[in-house]
Amino acid sequence: MFRLVIVDDEPTVRHGLITYFDWGNYGIEVVGDADDGDVGLEVIESLKPDMVLMDVRMPQMDGIRLAHEVKSRFPAMKIVFVSGHDDADYLKSALKVSAVDYILKPVDRLELAEVVERVVQELKEAQQERTYIVDMQVKLTQSMPLLREKFLMSLIRDGIPHPARIQDRLDFLGLDLPVEATYWIIVVKIDDSAQVLATRSERDQQLLSYSILNIIQEIIGNSMQGYAFENRNAEFVGILRMGEEDTQEELLLGVAEDIRDSLLKWLKISVTIGVGDRISELAALPQSYNQAQEAADHRWYLGKNRIISIDHLQHDNEASYRFDSAQGERILSVIKSADREALHAQLDDVFIPLSQNRRQGFASGRNASLQLILLTSRLLQEVNLLGPEMERKERDVWERIFKQERMAELRDIVEDHLLQVCDCMEEKRKGKPKNVIERIHALIEQRYAENLQIGDIAKEVYLSATYMCLLFKQETGETINEYMTKVRIEKAKELLSDPRNKFYEVCYQVGYSDPSYFSKLFKKYAGLTPSAYRDQMM
């Protein structure tokens, strides 16, 4: 309900307005009245109504003066004048105080109703606007941590694009970051992040990030001033600020050590922390951040669970190394001959020079690893050895290569895969027929219920269909189809021994789609029809 106060020096007018107009129908409650402007001002100040209906001429304080006082104290309050005088000067004064309307006495109820409807509509719109503003303020307050994080991320990436507005933004976000001060950036990266996060649900990943951030922020706050935030997945950034009396790098490194040791102790995770150079202004944060990130990335040869400052990175003037096609051909040659020792030596020639190139070594090592996998994939395809199992292994190797963070681990993955390719080549070169026959037997035993074709089996054992059939006949004295039929009939006998299995169900379960054909085939091999065989078993 909206609240109304009526101010008029005529008692009959006040009584009539209160009694003979249905204010409740418009959502209005008359909460007070007064017979003069000075008394009315006290009532208005006490009750703070939404709307005031007032006479223009009153003995002590007239309506125009009262309206000025009300508007100066309560700008949003709605004022409607009621007067028995049709005077242009009063009308002008009413406009000056932003009155909603000016009604002449005697008051016409229809005219009053129109004015009241308009006032109520304005009050509702103002109420909605206030509610919207309050909601926005609540949402803004709730989103403040996210706004701070977004701003801090922009600081380390872009610096200060609008220096004139920076202090306003800092004040709005409640960040204590003087434009001129001593700063350091640290970058905290989770070691083996792919493996650490892969075993956790989304909820547990968020909980881990929250815990890491809390630990970093608490340790920073205990020793100095600064802010920590998650910059990207598995990477956290600390903006550290020290006073003039706290400029020792020992303090900075001590904070980094506390962070590393606390994360290992409480969360059981290893991190590498990169430390950028000291800077003397907020605008230079990107410089220190880039240095800290580069330092952390050099864990690939300096090792994990370390604190690495930019001073560690003394780049040698070594010649850059690139994996070339000639080296790839040499490696393919030793794989074809299945010479494992020679393969190990060839991989030394690839990875040792890459390990010595500190700036680009790891990126080049990853590229060389991918090229080696592609080369061996092409080789396997050429000799018809790239079956589903090997394709699955290749996909797994690709994924693991992109997850590694150290050169030694990268080399181990590549060498292990290349040795498996050597095994495939050696098996093909030596032609182990017994092993092939065993694999065919196992495949039929596993998939006899499917519509298994000769071509499907040939792909699985990496041989042409013709050669495979000849080899199987030579080694076993029977064809593959004969062996498959024998396996199916034996499985059918087992199923028929259970009376709960219907004849047509047994037919489908052993790989046949035609019960009539199955019955004839069963009789040919077992000497009895399926039903006669079951009767004999009972």
Protein backbone atom coordinates (compact mmCIF):
# COMPACT_ATOMS: atom_id res chain seq x y z
CA MET A 1 0.00 0.00 0.00
CA PHE A 2 1.14 3.55 -0.78
CA ARG A 3 0.79 6.13 2.01
CA LEU A 4 -1.07 9.47 1.72
CA VAL A 5 -1.21 12.62 3.89
CA ILE A 6 -3.90 15.27 3.27
CA VAL A 7 -3.20 18.93 4.26
CA ASP A 8 -6.12 21.41 4.02
CA ASP A 9 -7.36 24.12 6.34
CA GLU A 10 -11.04 23.31 5.65
CA PRO A 11 -12.26 20.41 7.87
CA THR A 12 -15.14 19.58 5.53
CA VAL A 13 -12.75 19.23 2.59
CA ARG A 14 -10.43 16.96 4.58
CA HIS A 15 -13.37 14.87 5.79
CA GLY A 16 -14.79 14.59 2.29
CA LEU A 17 -11.50 13.58 0.72
CA ILE A 18 -10.86 10.96 3.41
CA THR A 19 -14.40 9.57 3.54
CA TYR A 20 -15.96 9.80 0.10
CA PHE A 21 -13.10 8.59 -2.12
CA ASP A 22 -12.16 4.90 -2.23
CA TRP A 23 -8.41 5.21 -1.73
CA GLY A 24 -8.03 1.48 -0.99
CA ASN A 25 -9.23 0.69 -4.51
CA TYR A 26 -6.02 2.33 -5.77
CA GLY A 27 -3.73 0.73 -3.23
CA ILE A 28 -3.50 3.87 -1.09
CA GLU A 29 -3.86 4.29 2.66
CA VAL A 30 -4.56 7.70 4.25
CA VAL A 31 -2.11 7.71 7.15
CA GLY A 32 -2.48 11.31 8.37
CA ASP A 33 -3.95 14.81 7.83
CA ALA A 34 -3.26 18.39 8.95
CA ASP A 35 -5.07 21.75 8.90
CA ASP A 36 -2.10 23.95 8.00
CA GLY A 37 1.28 23.84 6.28
CA ASP A 38 3.45 24.03 9.39
CA VAL A 39 1.55 21.17 11.09
CA GLY A 40 1.47 19.29 7.80
CA LEU A 41 5.27 19.49 7.50
CA GLU A 42 5.65 17.88 10.94
CA VAL A 43 3.19 15.10 10.01
CA ILE A 44 4.97 14.52 6.69
CA GLU A 45 8.40 14.37 8.34
CA SER A 46 7.06 11.90 10.89
CA LEU A 47 5.08 9.59 8.59
CA LYS A 48 7.09 9.99 5.35
CA PRO A 49 4.19 9.27 3.00
CA ASP A 50 4.54 8.50 -0.70
CA MET A 51 2.03 11.18 -1.72
CA VAL A 52 0.72 14.49 -0.30
CA LEU A 53 -2.59 16.08 -1.29
CA MET A 54 -2.45 19.74 -0.14
CA ASP A 55 -4.39 22.99 -0.37
CA VAL A 56 -2.63 25.97 -1.91
CA ARG A 57 -3.87 28.70 0.46
CA MET A 58 -3.51 28.08 4.19
CA PRO A 59 -3.13 30.62 7.03
CA GLN A 60 0.32 29.89 8.56
CA MET A 61 2.25 28.13 5.78
CA ASP A 62 0.68 27.98 2.34
CA GLY A 63 0.88 24.99 0.04
CA ILE A 64 3.56 26.42 -2.26
CA ARG A 65 5.98 26.97 0.61
CA LEU A 66 5.11 23.58 2.10
CA ALA A 67 5.75 21.96 -1.27
CA HIS A 68 9.21 23.57 -1.48
CA GLU A 69 10.06 22.26 1.99
CA VAL A 70 8.80 18.75 1.15
CA LYS A 71 10.68 18.58 -2.16
CA SER A 72 13.93 19.75 -0.59
CA ARG A 73 13.71 17.01 2.05
CA PHE A 74 11.90 14.24 0.13
CA PRO A 75 12.53 14.69 -3.61
CA ALA A 76 10.70 11.48 -4.60
CA MET A 77 7.47 12.40 -2.77
CA LYS A 78 4.49 13.08 -5.08
CA ILE A 79 2.53 16.34 -4.57
CA VAL A 80 -0.98 17.16 -5.83
CA PHE A 81 -2.45 20.62 -5.20
CA VAL A 82 -6.14 21.21 -4.39
CA SER A 83 -7.35 24.81 -4.56
CA GLY A 84 -10.47 26.87 -4.89
CA HIS A 85 -8.54 29.54 -6.79
CA ASP A 86 -7.90 29.32 -10.50
CA ASP A 87 -4.84 31.57 -10.37
CA ALA A 88 -2.09 31.51 -13.03
CA ASP A 89 0.60 32.45 -10.49
CA TYR A 90 -0.28 29.46 -8.33
CA LEU A 91 -0.20 27.20 -11.36
CA LYS A 92 3.28 28.43 -12.25
CA SER A 93 4.47 27.91 -8.67
CA ALA A 94 3.06 24.39 -8.74
CA LEU A 95 5.03 23.62 -11.88
CA LYS A 96 8.22 24.92 -10.27
CA VAL A 97 7.96 22.42 -7.42
CA SER A 98 7.20 19.61 -9.87
CA ALA A 99 3.70 18.97 -8.61
CA VAL A 100 1.95 16.07 -10.29
CA ASP A 101 -1.28 18.03 -10.86
CA TYR A 102 -3.45 20.95 -9.80
CA ILE A 103 -7.14 20.17 -8.99
CA LEU A 104 -9.76 22.84 -8.51
CA LYS A 105 -12.38 22.79 -5.76
CA PRO A 106 -15.00 21.50 -5.51
CA VAL A 107 -13.13 18.30 -6.24
CA ASP A 108 -14.60 16.15 -8.99
CA ARG A 109 -14.20 12.47 -8.10
CA LEU A 110 -13.61 11.40 -11.71
CA GLU A 111 -10.89 14.01 -12.12
CA LEU A 112 -9.34 13.00 -8.80
CA ALA A 113 -9.46 9.34 -9.85
CA GLU A 114 -7.55 10.11 -13.07
CA VAL A 115 -4.89 12.03 -11.15
CA VAL A 116 -4.59 9.29 -8.49
CA GLU A 117 -4.21 6.60 -11.16
CA ARG A 118 -1.37 8.56 -12.74
CA VAL A 119 0.35 9.13 -9.38
CA VAL A 120 0.06 5.44 -8.46
CA GLN A 121 1.54 4.46 -11.82
CA GLU A 122 4.50 6.80 -11.25
CA LEU A 123 4.95 5.43 -7.73
CA LYS A 124 4.93 1.85 -9.01
CA GLU A 125 7.48 2.65 -11.70
CA ALA A 126 9.70 4.36 -9.14
CA GLN A 127 9.30 1.37 -6.81
CA GLN A 128 10.28 -1.04 -9.58
CA GLU A 129 13.29 1.10 -10.41
CA ARG A 130 14.40 1.11 -6.78
CA THR A 131 13.96 -2.66 -6.58
CA TYR A 132 15.96 -3.09 -9.76
CA ILE A 133 18.75 -0.86 -8.46
CA VAL A 134 18.86 -2.75 -5.16
CA ASP A 135 19.00 -6.08 -7.03
CA MET A 136 21.79 -4.78 -9.22
CA GLN A 137 23.73 -3.56 -6.19
CA VAL A 138 23.36 -6.98 -4.55
CA LYS A 139 24.50 -8.73 -7.74
CA LEU A 140 27.38 -6.31 -8.12
CA THR A 141 28.49 -7.03 -4.56
CA GLN A 142 28.23 -10.77 -5.18
CA SER A 143 30.23 -10.53 -8.40
CA MET A 144 32.97 -8.34 -6.90
CA PRO A 145 35.47 -11.24 -6.46
CA LEU A 146 35.02 -12.13 -10.12
CA LEU A 147 35.44 -8.49 -11.19
CA ARG A 148 38.64 -8.22 -9.13
CA GLU A 149 40.01 -11.41 -10.67
CA LYS A 150 39.18 -10.19 -14.19
CA PHE A 151 40.86 -6.86 -13.51
CA LEU A 152 43.99 -8.49 -12.05
CA MET A 153 44.23 -10.75 -15.09
CA SER A 154 44.07 -7.71 -17.36
CA LEU A 155 46.81 -6.01 -15.32
CA ILE A 156 49.34 -8.80 -15.84
CA ARG A 157 48.46 -9.23 -19.50
CA ASP A 158 47.79 -5.70 -20.75
CA GLY A 159 49.17 -3.39 -18.08
CA ILE A 160 47.24 -0.12 -17.63
CA PRO A 161 45.52 0.85 -20.91
CA HIS A 162 43.75 3.89 -19.36
CA PRO A 163 46.08 5.46 -16.74
CA ALA A 164 43.71 8.36 -16.01
CA ARG A 165 41.00 5.99 -14.77
CA ILE A 166 43.14 3.44 -12.96
CA GLN A 167 42.72 4.91 -9.47
CA ASP A 168 38.92 5.02 -9.82
CA ARG A 169 38.89 1.35 -10.82
CA LEU A 170 41.18 0.38 -7.94
CA ASP A 171 38.96 2.26 -5.47
CA PHE A 172 35.79 0.74 -6.89
CA LEU A 173 37.20 -2.79 -6.66
CA GLY A 174 38.70 -2.21 -3.21
CA LEU A 175 42.24 -3.08 -4.33
CA ASP A 176 45.24 -1.64 -2.51
CA LEU A 177 47.66 -1.39 -5.46
CA PRO A 178 49.47 1.96 -5.62
CA VAL A 179 50.50 3.02 -9.11
CA GLU A 180 54.04 3.61 -7.87
CA ALA A 181 55.31 0.83 -5.61
CA THR A 182 57.65 -2.17 -5.48
CA TYR A 183 56.10 -5.29 -7.01
CA TRP A 184 57.02 -8.86 -7.88
CA ILE A 185 55.03 -11.45 -9.80
CA ILE A 186 55.13 -15.15 -8.99
CA VAL A 187 53.54 -17.83 -11.17
CA VAL A 188 52.54 -21.11 -9.46
CA LYS A 189 52.03 -24.03 -11.85
CA ILE A 190 50.75 -27.47 -10.85
CA ASP A 191 53.27 -30.13 -11.90
CA ASP A 192 51.82 -32.93 -14.06
CA SER A 193 48.56 -31.01 -14.09
CA ALA A 194 46.95 -33.24 -16.72
CA GLN A 195 47.33 -36.30 -14.49
CA VAL A 196 46.42 -34.42 -11.30
CA LEU A 197 43.17 -33.07 -12.73
CA ALA A 198 42.20 -36.13 -14.80
CA THR A 199 41.42 -38.20 -11.69
CA ARG A 200 39.16 -35.53 -10.16
CA SER A 201 35.53 -34.69 -10.84
CA GLU A 202 34.62 -31.13 -11.83
CA ARG A 203 33.55 -30.45 -8.24
CA ASP A 204 36.85 -31.75 -6.86
CA GLN A 205 38.81 -29.71 -9.41
CA GLN A 206 37.03 -26.54 -8.30
CA LEU A 207 37.61 -27.43 -4.66
CA LEU A 208 41.32 -27.99 -5.35
CA SER A 209 41.64 -24.62 -7.11
CA TYR A 210 39.85 -22.90 -4.22
CA SER A 211 42.14 -24.58 -1.67
CA ILE A 212 45.31 -23.68 -3.59
CA LEU A 213 44.21 -20.08 -3.91
CA ASN A 214 43.40 -19.82 -0.21
CA ILE A 215 46.79 -21.19 0.81
CA ILE A 216 48.68 -18.84 -1.55
CA GLN A 217 46.68 -15.80 -0.45
CA GLU A 218 47.09 -16.60 3.26
CA ILE A 219 50.87 -17.02 2.97
CA ILE A 220 51.22 -13.78 0.99
CA GLY A 221 49.06 -11.93 3.53
CA ASN A 222 51.14 -13.18 6.47
CA SER A 223 54.38 -11.68 5.14
CA MET A 224 53.52 -8.80 2.82
CA GLN A 225 50.72 -7.25 0.80
CA GLY A 226 49.35 -8.62 -2.42
CA TYR A 227 46.73 -10.62 -4.23
CA ALA A 228 46.52 -14.13 -5.65
CA PHE A 229 44.18 -15.37 -8.39
CA GLU A 230 43.76 -18.25 -10.84
CA ASN A 231 44.94 -17.02 -14.22
CA ARG A 232 44.20 -20.18 -16.20
CA ASN A 233 43.72 -23.86 -15.57
CA ALA A 234 46.47 -25.15 -13.22
CA GLU A 235 48.21 -21.74 -13.16
CA PHE A 236 47.96 -19.29 -10.26
CA VAL A 237 49.47 -15.81 -10.10
CA GLY A 238 50.53 -13.75 -7.12
CA ILE A 239 51.00 -9.97 -7.28
CA LEU A 240 53.30 -9.21 -4.35
CA ARG A 241 53.92 -5.74 -2.93
CA MET A 242 56.56 -4.85 -0.36
CA GLY A 243 57.24 -1.70 1.58
CA GLU A 244 60.52 0.14 1.21
CA GLU A 245 61.81 -1.58 4.33
CA ASP A 246 60.88 -5.04 3.00
CA THR A 247 62.68 -5.11 -0.32
CA GLN A 248 64.88 -8.12 0.43
CA GLU A 249 64.62 -10.86 -2.14
CA GLU A 250 65.13 -13.34 0.69
CA LEU A 251 61.65 -12.52 1.96
CA LEU A 252 60.17 -13.07 -1.50
CA LEU A 253 61.89 -16.43 -1.94
CA GLY A 254 60.83 -17.42 1.58
CA VAL A 255 57.19 -16.78 0.67
CA ALA A 256 57.60 -18.86 -2.49
CA GLU A 257 59.13 -21.72 -0.50
CA ASP A 258 56.29 -21.58 2.04
CA ILE A 259 53.75 -21.79 -0.79
CA ARG A 260 55.49 -24.74 -2.43
CA ASP A 261 55.99 -26.65 0.84
CA SER A 262 52.45 -25.95 2.13
CA LEU A 263 50.79 -27.15 -1.06
CA LEU A 264 52.82 -30.34 -0.94
CA LYS A 265 52.07 -30.87 2.76
CA TRP A 266 48.36 -30.08 2.85
CA LEU A 267 47.15 -30.88 -0.66
CA LYS A 268 49.78 -33.45 -1.69
CA ILE A 269 50.49 -31.66 -4.97
CA SER A 270 53.82 -30.59 -6.43
CA VAL A 271 54.15 -27.12 -7.94
CA THR A 272 56.82 -25.17 -9.77
CA ILE A 273 57.00 -21.46 -8.95
CA GLY A 274 58.44 -18.92 -11.38
CA VAL A 275 59.60 -15.55 -10.03
CA GLY A 276 59.81 -12.45 -12.22
CA ASP A 277 62.02 -9.39 -11.79
CA ARG A 278 61.32 -6.68 -9.28
CA ILE A 279 59.46 -3.71 -10.80
CA SER A 280 58.71 -0.26 -9.46
CA GLU A 281 55.31 0.57 -10.96
CA LEU A 282 51.97 -1.10 -11.52
CA ALA A 283 52.12 -0.60 -15.28
CA ALA A 284 55.16 -2.91 -15.53
CA LEU A 285 53.34 -5.98 -14.17
CA PRO A 286 53.19 -7.69 -17.62
CA GLN A 287 56.99 -7.60 -17.81
CA SER A 288 57.39 -9.35 -14.46
CA TYR A 289 54.58 -11.80 -15.25
CA ASN A 290 56.09 -12.84 -18.58
CA GLN A 291 59.43 -13.43 -16.86
CA ALA A 292 57.82 -15.47 -14.07
CA GLN A 293 55.86 -17.58 -16.54
CA GLU A 294 58.95 -18.23 -18.65
CA ALA A 295 60.88 -19.20 -15.53
CA ALA A 296 58.16 -21.68 -14.45
CA ASP A 297 58.02 -23.19 -17.94
CA HIS A 298 61.69 -24.12 -17.70
CA ARG A 299 60.87 -26.92 -15.30
CA TRP A 300 61.19 -29.15 -18.37
CA TYR A 301 64.95 -29.22 -17.88
CA LEU A 302 65.55 -27.70 -14.40
CA GLY A 303 63.08 -30.09 -12.76
CA LYS A 304 59.73 -29.92 -10.97
CA ASN A 305 58.79 -28.81 -7.47
CA ARG A 306 61.30 -25.96 -7.69
CA ILE A 307 61.40 -22.19 -7.35
CA ILE A 308 62.90 -20.73 -10.52
CA SER A 309 63.71 -17.05 -10.87
CA ILE A 310 64.46 -15.32 -14.14
CA ASP A 311 68.11 -15.18 -13.03
CA HIS A 312 68.34 -18.97 -13.45
CA LEU A 313 67.74 -18.67 -17.16
CA GLN A 314 71.17 -17.97 -18.56
CA HIS A 315 70.63 -18.86 -22.18
CA ASP A 316 73.68 -20.28 -23.89
CA ASN A 317 74.55 -19.37 -27.44
CA GLU A 318 74.08 -22.95 -28.60
CA ALA A 319 73.12 -23.56 -32.17
CA SER A 320 69.46 -24.36 -32.65
CA TYR A 321 68.60 -27.98 -33.44
CA ARG A 322 65.85 -29.19 -35.79
CA PHE A 323 64.64 -32.70 -36.44
CA ASP A 324 65.07 -33.31 -40.20
CA SER A 325 63.85 -35.87 -42.71
CA ALA A 326 67.28 -37.57 -42.99
CA GLN A 327 67.23 -38.35 -39.28
CA GLY A 328 63.69 -39.64 -39.61
CA GLU A 329 64.76 -42.03 -42.38
CA ARG A 330 67.62 -43.36 -40.25
CA ILE A 331 65.21 -44.08 -37.41
CA LEU A 332 62.76 -45.82 -39.76
CA SER A 333 65.61 -47.96 -41.05
CA VAL A 334 66.55 -49.28 -37.60
CA ILE A 335 62.85 -49.87 -36.78
CA LYS A 336 62.46 -51.99 -39.92
CA SER A 337 65.42 -54.07 -38.89
CA ALA A 338 64.11 -54.18 -35.27
CA ASP A 339 67.51 -53.09 -33.97
CA ARG A 340 66.68 -51.83 -30.48
CA GLU A 341 70.18 -50.70 -29.52
CA ALA A 342 70.53 -48.71 -32.73
CA LEU A 343 67.11 -47.16 -32.10
CA HIS A 344 68.19 -46.06 -28.62
CA ALA A 345 71.33 -44.44 -30.09
CA GLN A 346 69.30 -42.67 -32.79
CA LEU A 347 66.92 -41.25 -30.21
CA ASP A 348 69.92 -39.98 -28.23
CA ASP A 349 70.92 -38.05 -31.36
CA VAL A 350 67.46 -36.44 -31.38
CA PHE A 351 66.73 -35.70 -27.73
CA ILE A 352 70.15 -34.83 -26.29
CA PRO A 353 70.65 -31.76 -28.55
CA LEU A 354 67.07 -30.71 -27.85
CA SER A 355 67.66 -30.93 -24.09
CA GLN A 356 70.64 -28.59 -24.43
CA ASN A 357 68.58 -25.93 -26.19
CA ARG A 358 66.96 -24.30 -23.18
CA ARG A 359 64.88 -21.70 -24.95
CA GLN A 360 63.12 -23.77 -27.63
CA GLY A 361 64.17 -27.30 -26.71
CA PHE A 362 60.93 -28.58 -25.23
CA ALA A 363 58.69 -27.21 -27.98
CA SER A 364 61.03 -28.66 -30.59
CA GLY A 365 61.14 -31.95 -28.68
CA ARG A 366 57.36 -32.22 -28.74
CA ASN A 367 57.29 -31.49 -32.48
CA ALA A 368 60.00 -34.10 -33.13
CA SER A 369 58.04 -36.66 -31.07
CA LEU A 370 54.90 -36.08 -33.09
CA GLN A 371 56.84 -36.41 -36.35
CA LEU A 372 58.27 -39.75 -35.21
CA ILE A 373 54.80 -41.07 -34.38
CA LEU A 374 53.56 -39.98 -37.82
CA LEU A 375 56.52 -41.68 -39.54
CA THR A 376 55.97 -44.98 -37.77
CA SER A 377 52.23 -44.80 -38.42
CA ARG A 378 52.91 -44.46 -42.14
CA LEU A 379 55.35 -47.41 -41.96
CA LEU A 380 52.79 -49.63 -40.23
CA GLN A 381 50.17 -48.70 -42.78
CA GLU A 382 52.50 -49.59 -45.66
CA VAL A 383 53.13 -53.10 -44.30
CA ASN A 384 49.47 -53.66 -43.33
CA LEU A 385 50.17 -53.64 -39.59
CA LEU A 386 48.11 -50.58 -38.60
CA GLY A 387 45.23 -52.44 -36.98
CA PRO A 388 42.63 -51.12 -34.49
CA GLU A 389 44.80 -51.96 -31.49
CA MET A 390 47.81 -50.09 -32.83
CA GLU A 391 45.63 -47.14 -33.84
CA ARG A 392 44.33 -47.00 -30.27
CA LYS A 393 47.89 -47.05 -28.94
CA GLU A 394 48.85 -44.22 -31.31
CA ARG A 395 45.98 -42.04 -30.08
CA ASP A 396 47.03 -42.71 -26.52
CA VAL A 397 50.63 -41.69 -27.30
CA TRP A 398 49.47 -38.47 -28.95
CA GLU A 399 47.45 -37.52 -25.88
CA ARG A 400 50.30 -38.35 -23.50
CA ILE A 401 52.82 -36.31 -25.53
CA PHE A 402 50.73 -33.17 -25.09
CA LYS A 403 50.44 -33.76 -21.34
CA GLN A 404 54.17 -34.09 -20.61
CA GLU A 405 56.20 -31.34 -18.99
CA ARG A 406 59.75 -32.76 -19.04
CA MET A 407 62.00 -33.90 -21.89
CA ALA A 408 62.96 -37.18 -20.23
CA GLU A 409 59.31 -38.22 -19.89
CA LEU A 410 58.67 -37.21 -23.49
CA ARG A 411 61.52 -39.37 -24.73
CA ASP A 412 60.39 -42.36 -22.63
CA ILE A 413 56.93 -42.28 -24.18
CA VAL A 414 58.26 -42.04 -27.73
CA GLU A 415 60.91 -44.73 -27.23
CA ASP A 416 58.41 -47.13 -25.67
CA HIS A 417 56.06 -46.73 -28.63
CA LEU A 418 58.84 -47.13 -31.20
CA LEU A 419 59.97 -50.34 -29.48
CA GLN A 420 56.44 -51.70 -29.83
CA VAL A 421 56.60 -50.90 -33.54
CA CYS A 422 59.91 -52.79 -33.65
CA ASP A 423 58.14 -55.82 -32.16
CA CYS A 424 55.47 -55.68 -34.84
CA MET A 425 58.05 -55.42 -37.61
CA GLU A 426 60.10 -58.29 -36.18
CA GLU A 427 57.05 -60.52 -35.92
CA LYS A 428 56.11 -59.81 -39.52
CA ARG A 429 59.70 -60.20 -40.75
CA LYS A 430 60.18 -63.55 -39.05
CA GLY A 431 56.64 -64.66 -39.96
CA LYS A 432 55.53 -66.51 -36.87
CA PRO A 433 52.72 -68.71 -38.20
CA LYS A 434 51.93 -70.36 -34.88
CA ASN A 435 51.39 -66.99 -33.25
CA VAL A 436 49.09 -65.96 -36.09
CA ILE A 437 47.07 -69.18 -35.79
CA GLU A 438 46.71 -68.66 -32.05
CA ARG A 439 45.45 -65.15 -32.63
CA ILE A 440 42.90 -66.38 -35.21
CA HIS A 441 41.70 -69.07 -32.78
CA ALA A 442 41.35 -66.53 -29.99
CA LEU A 443 39.51 -64.06 -32.22
CA ILE A 444 36.97 -66.66 -33.37
CA GLU A 445 36.47 -67.87 -29.78
CA GLN A 446 35.68 -64.31 -28.74
CA ARG A 447 33.53 -63.20 -31.68
CA TYR A 448 31.86 -66.38 -32.99
CA ALA A 449 28.40 -64.90 -32.27
CA GLU A 450 29.02 -61.97 -34.67
CA ASN A 451 28.71 -61.92 -38.44
CA LEU A 452 32.48 -62.43 -38.58
CA GLN A 453 33.97 -62.34 -42.08
CA ILE A 454 37.35 -63.52 -43.39
CA GLY A 455 38.29 -59.93 -44.18
CA ASP A 456 37.58 -58.87 -40.59
CA ILE A 457 39.92 -61.55 -39.26
CA ALA A 458 42.65 -60.65 -41.77
CA LYS A 459 42.64 -57.02 -40.61
CA GLU A 460 43.03 -58.09 -37.00
CA VAL A 461 46.11 -60.24 -37.69
CA TYR A 462 47.66 -57.76 -40.17
CA LEU A 463 47.71 -60.19 -43.14
CA SER A 464 46.00 -60.30 -46.51
CA ALA A 465 42.90 -62.53 -46.58
CA THR A 466 44.40 -64.91 -49.18
CA TYR A 467 47.70 -65.39 -47.32
CA MET A 468 45.92 -65.85 -44.01
CA CYS A 469 43.62 -68.59 -45.38
CA LEU A 470 46.54 -70.46 -46.95
CA LEU A 471 48.59 -70.20 -43.76
CA PHE A 472 45.71 -71.43 -41.58
CA LYS A 473 44.97 -74.40 -43.86
CA GLN A 474 48.65 -75.29 -43.98
CA GLU A 475 49.11 -75.18 -40.23
CA THR A 476 45.80 -76.73 -39.06
CA GLY A 477 44.63 -78.88 -41.97
CA GLU A 478 41.22 -77.16 -42.03
CA THR A 479 39.83 -73.93 -43.38
CA ILE A 480 38.97 -70.94 -41.21
CA ASN A 481 35.27 -71.35 -42.04
CA GLU A 482 35.41 -75.01 -41.01
CA TYR A 483 37.02 -74.08 -37.71
CA MET A 484 34.50 -71.31 -37.12
CA THR A 485 31.59 -73.67 -37.82
CA LYS A 486 33.05 -76.23 -35.42
CA VAL A 487 33.33 -73.60 -32.68
CA ARG A 488 29.76 -72.44 -33.25
CA ILE A 489 28.32 -75.98 -33.20
CA GLU A 490 30.15 -76.76 -29.94
CA LYS A 491 28.78 -73.57 -28.39
CA ALA A 492 25.29 -74.54 -29.67
CA LYS A 493 25.57 -77.92 -27.95
CA GLU A 494 26.31 -76.19 -24.65
CA LEU A 495 23.27 -73.92 -25.06
CA LEU A 496 20.95 -76.78 -26.10
CA SER A 497 21.76 -78.63 -22.89
CA ASP A 498 19.72 -75.97 -21.07
CA PRO A 499 15.96 -76.52 -21.83
CA ARG A 500 15.26 -72.87 -21.14
CA ASN A 501 17.02 -71.89 -24.39
CA LYS A 502 14.72 -72.05 -27.40
CA PHE A 503 16.06 -73.44 -30.71
CA TYR A 504 15.83 -70.16 -32.61
CA GLU A 505 17.52 -68.29 -29.72
CA VAL A 506 20.44 -70.75 -29.82
CA CYS A 507 20.69 -70.18 -33.59
CA TYR A 508 21.04 -66.42 -33.16
CA GLN A 509 23.39 -66.68 -30.19
CA VAL A 510 25.98 -68.68 -32.14
CA GLY A 511 26.05 -66.35 -35.14
CA TYR A 512 23.41 -67.71 -37.56
CA SER A 513 20.40 -65.75 -38.76
CA ASP A 514 18.50 -68.64 -40.49
CA PRO A 515 17.20 -71.36 -38.08
CA SER A 516 16.58 -73.77 -40.99
CA TYR A 517 20.16 -73.47 -42.24
CA PHE A 518 21.45 -73.78 -38.67
CA SER A 519 19.45 -77.01 -38.18
CA LYS A 520 20.89 -78.60 -41.34
CA LEU A 521 24.42 -77.53 -40.45
CA PHE A 522 24.04 -78.82 -36.89
CA LYS A 523 22.86 -82.23 -38.15
CA LYS A 524 25.79 -82.38 -40.60
CA TYR A 525 28.36 -81.87 -37.83
CA ALA A 526 26.58 -83.45 -34.83
CA GLY A 527 24.71 -86.26 -36.62
CA LEU A 528 21.42 -85.16 -35.04
CA THR A 529 19.00 -82.30 -35.43
CA PRO A 530 19.04 -79.74 -32.58
CA SER A 531 15.77 -81.12 -31.15
CA ALA A 532 16.96 -84.73 -31.34
CA TYR A 533 20.23 -83.73 -29.70
CA ARG A 534 18.36 -82.09 -26.84
CA ASP A 535 16.07 -85.14 -26.39
CA GLN A 536 19.14 -87.34 -26.20
CA MET A 537 20.64 -85.05 -23.53
CA MET A 538 17.54 -85.23 -21.34
